[in-house]
């Protein structure tokens, strides 16, 4: 009995008309990465928090029923020069926009600061898993941030000592 190995080389696999190629649940279908290209800084002048977009990226699902996993790392430097007892905390929000609809908050938290007036470096993580998407259209995810205390200045992607802090958001489509 002789055993031989063969190589099958294809440029793509296409389903017959009227059928979809389905991947088993949990398989990664596509990945979109968004990198911060320059630093973003903002200061709160009053008591109202204005959210600033830090990273934003879009993805269109390959299949109905897919889910998205969004993860990001956001290095943040903050400095407070005021006299408040609590400083340097920051709000982080993840927004989802389906097609041309209005973006809505799907996840968020307050990344706590320090209880004294000082500069601070911190990493604000984002990890989110969406529900199943029933429509095949573009979904835009944006990470937005706002300072919680008047006088705080926050910088995402700050360059210090010749090295830029690097931020990246990854959107992964997973078969449902």
C-alpha atoms as a PDB file:
ATOM      1  CA  UNK A   1       0.000   0.000   0.000  1.00  0.00           C
ATOM      2  CA  UNK A   2       1.454   3.321  -1.078  1.00  0.00           C
ATOM      3  CA  UNK A   3       0.604   6.662   0.576  1.00  0.00           C
ATOM      4  CA  UNK A   4       1.016   9.935  -1.308  1.00  0.00           C
ATOM      5  CA  UNK A   5       0.402  13.525  -0.259  1.00  0.00           C
ATOM      6  CA  UNK A   6      -1.232  16.050  -2.573  1.00  0.00           C
ATOM      7  CA  UNK A   7      -1.461  19.812  -2.439  1.00  0.00           C
ATOM      8  CA  UNK A   8      -4.673  21.602  -3.230  1.00  0.00           C
ATOM      9  CA  UNK A   9      -4.174  25.247  -4.135  1.00  0.00           C
ATOM     10  CA  UNK A  10      -7.200  27.526  -4.529  1.00  0.00           C
ATOM     11  CA  UNK A  11      -7.657  31.259  -4.909  1.00  0.00           C
ATOM     12  CA  UNK A  12     -11.004  31.206  -3.144  1.00  0.00           C
ATOM     13  CA  UNK A  13     -14.036  29.140  -2.314  1.00  0.00           C
ATOM     14  CA  UNK A  14     -17.408  30.291  -3.529  1.00  0.00           C
ATOM     15  CA  UNK A  15     -20.802  28.916  -2.536  1.00  0.00           C
ATOM     16  CA  UNK A  16     -23.234  27.862  -5.276  1.00  0.00           C
ATOM     17  CA  UNK A  17     -25.944  30.427  -6.137  1.00  0.00           C
ATOM     18  CA  UNK A  18     -28.512  30.652  -3.332  1.00  0.00           C
ATOM     19  CA  UNK A  19     -26.211  29.261  -0.626  1.00  0.00           C
ATOM     20  CA  UNK A  20     -23.912  30.822   1.975  1.00  0.00           C
ATOM     21  CA  UNK A  21     -20.656  29.308   3.130  1.00  0.00           C
ATOM     22  CA  UNK A  22     -21.060  28.927   6.877  1.00  0.00           C
ATOM     23  CA  UNK A  23     -18.220  28.701   9.327  1.00  0.00           C
ATOM     24  CA  UNK A  24     -18.582  26.790  12.596  1.00  0.00           C
ATOM     25  CA  UNK A  25     -19.478  28.975  15.609  1.00  0.00           C
ATOM     26  CA  UNK A  26     -16.468  30.575  17.248  1.00  0.00           C
ATOM     27  CA  UNK A  27     -14.291  30.785  14.123  1.00  0.00           C
ATOM     28  CA  UNK A  28     -12.682  34.125  13.391  1.00  0.00           C
ATOM     29  CA  UNK A  29     -14.010  35.523  10.126  1.00  0.00           C
ATOM     30  CA  UNK A  30     -12.172  38.853   9.881  1.00  0.00           C
ATOM     31  CA  UNK A  31     -10.133  41.305  11.939  1.00  0.00           C
ATOM     32  CA  UNK A  32      -9.974  45.099  11.629  1.00  0.00           C
ATOM     33  CA  UNK A  33      -7.263  47.001  13.518  1.00  0.00           C
ATOM     34  CA  UNK A  34      -7.243  50.753  14.087  1.00  0.00           C
ATOM     35  CA  UNK A  35      -4.076  52.479  15.292  1.00  0.00           C
ATOM     36  CA  UNK A  36      -3.775  55.908  16.870  1.00  0.00           C
ATOM     37  CA  UNK A  37      -1.728  58.064  14.514  1.00  0.00           C
ATOM     38  CA  UNK A  38      -1.226  61.127  16.730  1.00  0.00           C
ATOM     39  CA  UNK A  39      -1.732  62.130  20.336  1.00  0.00           C
ATOM     40  CA  UNK A  40      -5.067  63.475  21.544  1.00  0.00           C
ATOM     41  CA  UNK A  41      -5.255  65.816  24.538  1.00  0.00           C
ATOM     42  CA  UNK A  42      -8.184  67.484  26.250  1.00  0.00           C
ATOM     43  CA  UNK A  43      -8.851  69.495  29.402  1.00  0.00           C
ATOM     44  CA  UNK A  44     -12.098  69.949  31.279  1.00  0.00           C
ATOM     45  CA  UNK A  45     -12.721  73.639  31.914  1.00  0.00           C
ATOM     46  CA  UNK A  46     -15.979  73.302  33.846  1.00  0.00           C
ATOM     47  CA  UNK A  47     -18.264  70.709  35.341  1.00  0.00           C
ATOM     48  CA  UNK A  48     -19.538  69.305  32.031  1.00  0.00           C
ATOM     49  CA  UNK A  49     -17.760  66.301  30.555  1.00  0.00           C
ATOM     50  CA  UNK A  50     -17.334  66.472  26.781  1.00  0.00           C
ATOM     51  CA  UNK A  51     -16.475  63.141  25.177  1.00  0.00           C
ATOM     52  CA  UNK A  52     -13.603  63.111  22.671  1.00  0.00           C
ATOM     53  CA  UNK A  53     -13.129  60.296  20.130  1.00  0.00           C
ATOM     54  CA  UNK A  54      -9.872  58.438  20.772  1.00  0.00           C
ATOM     55  CA  UNK A  55     -10.198  55.588  18.219  1.00  0.00           C
ATOM     56  CA  UNK A  56     -12.873  54.661  15.674  1.00  0.00           C
ATOM     57  CA  UNK A  57     -13.194  51.792  13.209  1.00  0.00           C
ATOM     58  CA  UNK A  58     -15.813  50.135  11.014  1.00  0.00           C
ATOM     59  CA  UNK A  59     -16.557  46.552  10.047  1.00  0.00           C
ATOM     60  CA  UNK A  60     -19.223  44.880   7.911  1.00  0.00           C
ATOM     61  CA  UNK A  61     -20.045  41.323   8.984  1.00  0.00           C
ATOM     62  CA  UNK A  62     -19.529  38.550   6.450  1.00  0.00           C
ATOM     63  CA  UNK A  63     -22.505  36.586   7.789  1.00  0.00           C
ATOM     64  CA  UNK A  64     -25.744  37.230   9.631  1.00  0.00           C
ATOM     65  CA  UNK A  65     -25.515  35.943  13.200  1.00  0.00           C
ATOM     66  CA  UNK A  66     -21.889  36.972  13.670  1.00  0.00           C
ATOM     67  CA  UNK A  67     -20.665  38.636  16.853  1.00  0.00           C
ATOM     68  CA  UNK A  68     -17.940  41.229  17.325  1.00  0.00           C
ATOM     69  CA  UNK A  69     -15.216  41.283  19.958  1.00  0.00           C
ATOM     70  CA  UNK A  70     -13.685  44.706  20.505  1.00  0.00           C
ATOM     71  CA  UNK A  71     -10.525  45.151  22.505  1.00  0.00           C
ATOM     72  CA  UNK A  72      -8.209  48.097  22.942  1.00  0.00           C
ATOM     73  CA  UNK A  73      -5.389  49.398  25.054  1.00  0.00           C
ATOM     74  CA  UNK A  74      -5.370  53.140  25.706  1.00  0.00           C
ATOM     75  CA  UNK A  75      -2.233  54.521  27.384  1.00  0.00           C
ATOM     76  CA  UNK A  76      -3.286  57.749  29.079  1.00  0.00           C
ATOM     77  CA  UNK A  77      -1.220  60.416  30.804  1.00  0.00           C
ATOM     78  CA  UNK A  78      -3.095  62.863  33.006  1.00  0.00           C
ATOM     79  CA  UNK A  79      -2.068  65.933  34.921  1.00  0.00           C
ATOM     80  CA  UNK A  80      -4.158  67.965  37.331  1.00  0.00           C
ATOM     81  CA  UNK A  81      -3.110  71.444  38.411  1.00  0.00           C
ATOM     82  CA  UNK A  82      -6.239  72.390  40.386  1.00  0.00           C
ATOM     83  CA  UNK A  83      -6.962  72.018  44.051  1.00  0.00           C
ATOM     84  CA  UNK A  84      -9.570  69.261  43.981  1.00  0.00           C
ATOM     85  CA  UNK A  85      -9.114  66.321  46.330  1.00  0.00           C
ATOM     86  CA  UNK A  86      -9.894  63.819  43.560  1.00  0.00           C
ATOM     87  CA  UNK A  87      -8.165  64.077  40.203  1.00  0.00           C
ATOM     88  CA  UNK A  88      -6.960  62.318  37.065  1.00  0.00           C
ATOM     89  CA  UNK A  89      -9.914  59.955  36.678  1.00  0.00           C
ATOM     90  CA  UNK A  90     -11.355  59.536  33.191  1.00  0.00           C
ATOM     91  CA  UNK A  91     -14.573  58.238  31.650  1.00  0.00           C
ATOM     92  CA  UNK A  92     -14.184  55.641  28.882  1.00  0.00           C
ATOM     93  CA  UNK A  93     -17.172  54.832  26.631  1.00  0.00           C
ATOM     94  CA  UNK A  94     -17.540  52.419  23.707  1.00  0.00           C
ATOM     95  CA  UNK A  95     -20.121  53.530  21.150  1.00  0.00           C
ATOM     96  CA  UNK A  96     -21.719  51.360  18.453  1.00  0.00           C
ATOM     97  CA  UNK A  97     -23.288  52.814  15.329  1.00  0.00           C
ATOM     98  CA  UNK A  98     -25.296  50.490  13.087  1.00  0.00           C
ATOM     99  CA  UNK A  99     -25.332  51.797   9.512  1.00  0.00           C
ATOM    100  CA  UNK A 100     -26.402  55.454   9.515  1.00  0.00           C
ATOM    101  CA  UNK A 101     -28.266  55.261  12.849  1.00  0.00           C
ATOM    102  CA  UNK A 102     -27.238  57.309  15.880  1.00  0.00           C
ATOM    103  CA  UNK A 103     -24.314  55.885  17.856  1.00  0.00           C
ATOM    104  CA  UNK A 104     -25.239  54.493  21.269  1.00  0.00           C
ATOM    105  CA  UNK A 105     -23.136  53.609  24.304  1.00  0.00           C
ATOM    106  CA  UNK A 106     -22.709  49.831  24.594  1.00  0.00           C
ATOM    107  CA  UNK A 107     -20.063  49.775  27.340  1.00  0.00           C
ATOM    108  CA  UNK A 108     -18.335  52.206  29.654  1.00  0.00           C
ATOM    109  CA  UNK A 109     -16.666  52.822  32.969  1.00  0.00           C
ATOM    110  CA  UNK A 110     -14.741  55.364  34.982  1.00  0.00           C
ATOM    111  CA  UNK A 111     -11.013  54.662  35.180  1.00  0.00           C
ATOM    112  CA  UNK A 112     -10.175  55.943  38.632  1.00  0.00           C
ATOM    113  CA  UNK A 113      -7.526  58.531  39.262  1.00  0.00           C
ATOM    114  CA  UNK A 114      -5.600  59.448  42.358  1.00  0.00           C
ATOM    115  CA  UNK A 115      -6.758  61.250  45.455  1.00  0.00           C
ATOM    116  CA  UNK A 116      -3.969  63.823  45.276  1.00  0.00           C
ATOM    117  CA  UNK A 117      -2.970  66.486  42.764  1.00  0.00           C
ATOM    118  CA  UNK A 118      -0.259  64.903  40.637  1.00  0.00           C
ATOM    119  CA  UNK A 119       0.599  63.663  37.176  1.00  0.00           C
ATOM    120  CA  UNK A 120      -0.196  60.058  36.385  1.00  0.00           C
ATOM    121  CA  UNK A 121       0.280  57.473  33.639  1.00  0.00           C
ATOM    122  CA  UNK A 122      -2.299  54.707  33.326  1.00  0.00           C
ATOM    123  CA  UNK A 123      -3.543  52.178  30.817  1.00  0.00           C
ATOM    124  CA  UNK A 124      -7.295  52.142  30.223  1.00  0.00           C
ATOM    125  CA  UNK A 125      -8.391  48.767  28.798  1.00  0.00           C
ATOM    126  CA  UNK A 126     -11.494  48.133  26.683  1.00  0.00           C
ATOM    127  CA  UNK A 127     -12.969  44.642  26.146  1.00  0.00           C
ATOM    128  CA  UNK A 128     -16.472  44.097  24.757  1.00  0.00           C
ATOM    129  CA  UNK A 129     -18.402  41.268  23.116  1.00  0.00           C
ATOM    130  CA  UNK A 130     -21.490  42.191  21.084  1.00  0.00           C
ATOM    131  CA  UNK A 131     -24.666  40.235  20.623  1.00  0.00           C
ATOM    132  CA  UNK A 132     -25.425  38.498  17.313  1.00  0.00           C
ATOM    133  CA  UNK A 133     -25.787  40.857  14.361  1.00  0.00           C
ATOM    134  CA  UNK A 134     -28.785  40.048  12.188  1.00  0.00           C
ATOM    135  CA  UNK A 135     -28.153  42.584   9.428  1.00  0.00           C
ATOM    136  CA  UNK A 136     -25.258  42.736   6.997  1.00  0.00           C
ATOM    137  CA  UNK A 137     -24.328  46.406   7.148  1.00  0.00           C
ATOM    138  CA  UNK A 138     -21.490  48.536   8.446  1.00  0.00           C
ATOM    139  CA  UNK A 139     -20.977  48.795  12.201  1.00  0.00           C
ATOM    140  CA  UNK A 140     -18.767  51.582  13.537  1.00  0.00           C
ATOM    141  CA  UNK A 141     -17.216  51.307  16.986  1.00  0.00           C
ATOM    142  CA  UNK A 142     -15.665  54.360  18.597  1.00  0.00           C
ATOM    143  CA  UNK A 143     -13.918  54.737  21.920  1.00  0.00           C
ATOM    144  CA  UNK A 144     -14.545  58.126  23.486  1.00  0.00           C
ATOM    145  CA  UNK A 145     -13.212  59.641  26.665  1.00  0.00           C
ATOM    146  CA  UNK A 146     -13.896  62.573  28.976  1.00  0.00           C
ATOM    147  CA  UNK A 147     -12.193  63.856  32.091  1.00  0.00           C
ATOM    148  CA  UNK A 148     -14.247  63.714  35.281  1.00  0.00           C
ATOM    149  CA  UNK A 149     -12.688  66.663  37.105  1.00  0.00           C
ATOM    150  CA  UNK A 150     -12.318  70.305  36.119  1.00  0.00           C
ATOM    151  CA  UNK A 151      -8.660  71.158  35.524  1.00  0.00           C
ATOM    152  CA  UNK A 152      -7.557  67.661  34.488  1.00  0.00           C
ATOM    153  CA  UNK A 153      -5.627  67.368  31.228  1.00  0.00           C
ATOM    154  CA  UNK A 154      -5.605  63.913  29.640  1.00  0.00           C
ATOM    155  CA  UNK A 155      -3.332  62.873  26.786  1.00  0.00           C
ATOM    156  CA  UNK A 156      -3.754  59.644  24.854  1.00  0.00           C
ATOM    157  CA  UNK A 157      -0.737  58.646  22.731  1.00  0.00           C
ATOM    158  CA  UNK A 158       1.663  60.952  24.584  1.00  0.00           C
ATOM    159  CA  UNK A 159       5.310  60.943  23.523  1.00  0.00           C
ATOM    160  CA  UNK A 160       7.774  60.918  26.424  1.00  0.00           C
ATOM    161  CA  UNK A 161      11.485  60.230  26.385  1.00  0.00           C
ATOM    162  CA  UNK A 162      11.355  59.842  22.602  1.00  0.00           C
ATOM    163  CA  UNK A 163       8.808  57.010  22.709  1.00  0.00           C
ATOM    164  CA  UNK A 164       5.152  57.396  21.762  1.00  0.00           C
ATOM    165  CA  UNK A 165       2.543  55.514  23.756  1.00  0.00           C
ATOM    166  CA  UNK A 166       0.764  53.261  21.270  1.00  0.00           C
ATOM    167  CA  UNK A 167      -2.996  52.747  21.157  1.00  0.00           C
ATOM    168  CA  UNK A 168      -4.796  50.154  19.061  1.00  0.00           C
ATOM    169  CA  UNK A 169      -8.387  48.967  18.801  1.00  0.00           C
ATOM    170  CA  UNK A 170      -9.104  45.565  17.284  1.00  0.00           C
ATOM    171  CA  UNK A 171     -12.553  44.543  16.018  1.00  0.00           C
ATOM    172  CA  UNK A 172     -12.873  40.788  15.442  1.00  0.00           C
ATOM    173  CA  UNK A 173     -15.837  39.150  13.702  1.00  0.00           C
ATOM    174  CA  UNK A 174     -16.610  35.726  15.144  1.00  0.00           C
ATOM    175  CA  UNK A 175     -19.021  33.238  13.571  1.00  0.00           C
ATOM    176  CA  UNK A 176     -22.200  32.928  15.655  1.00  0.00           C
END
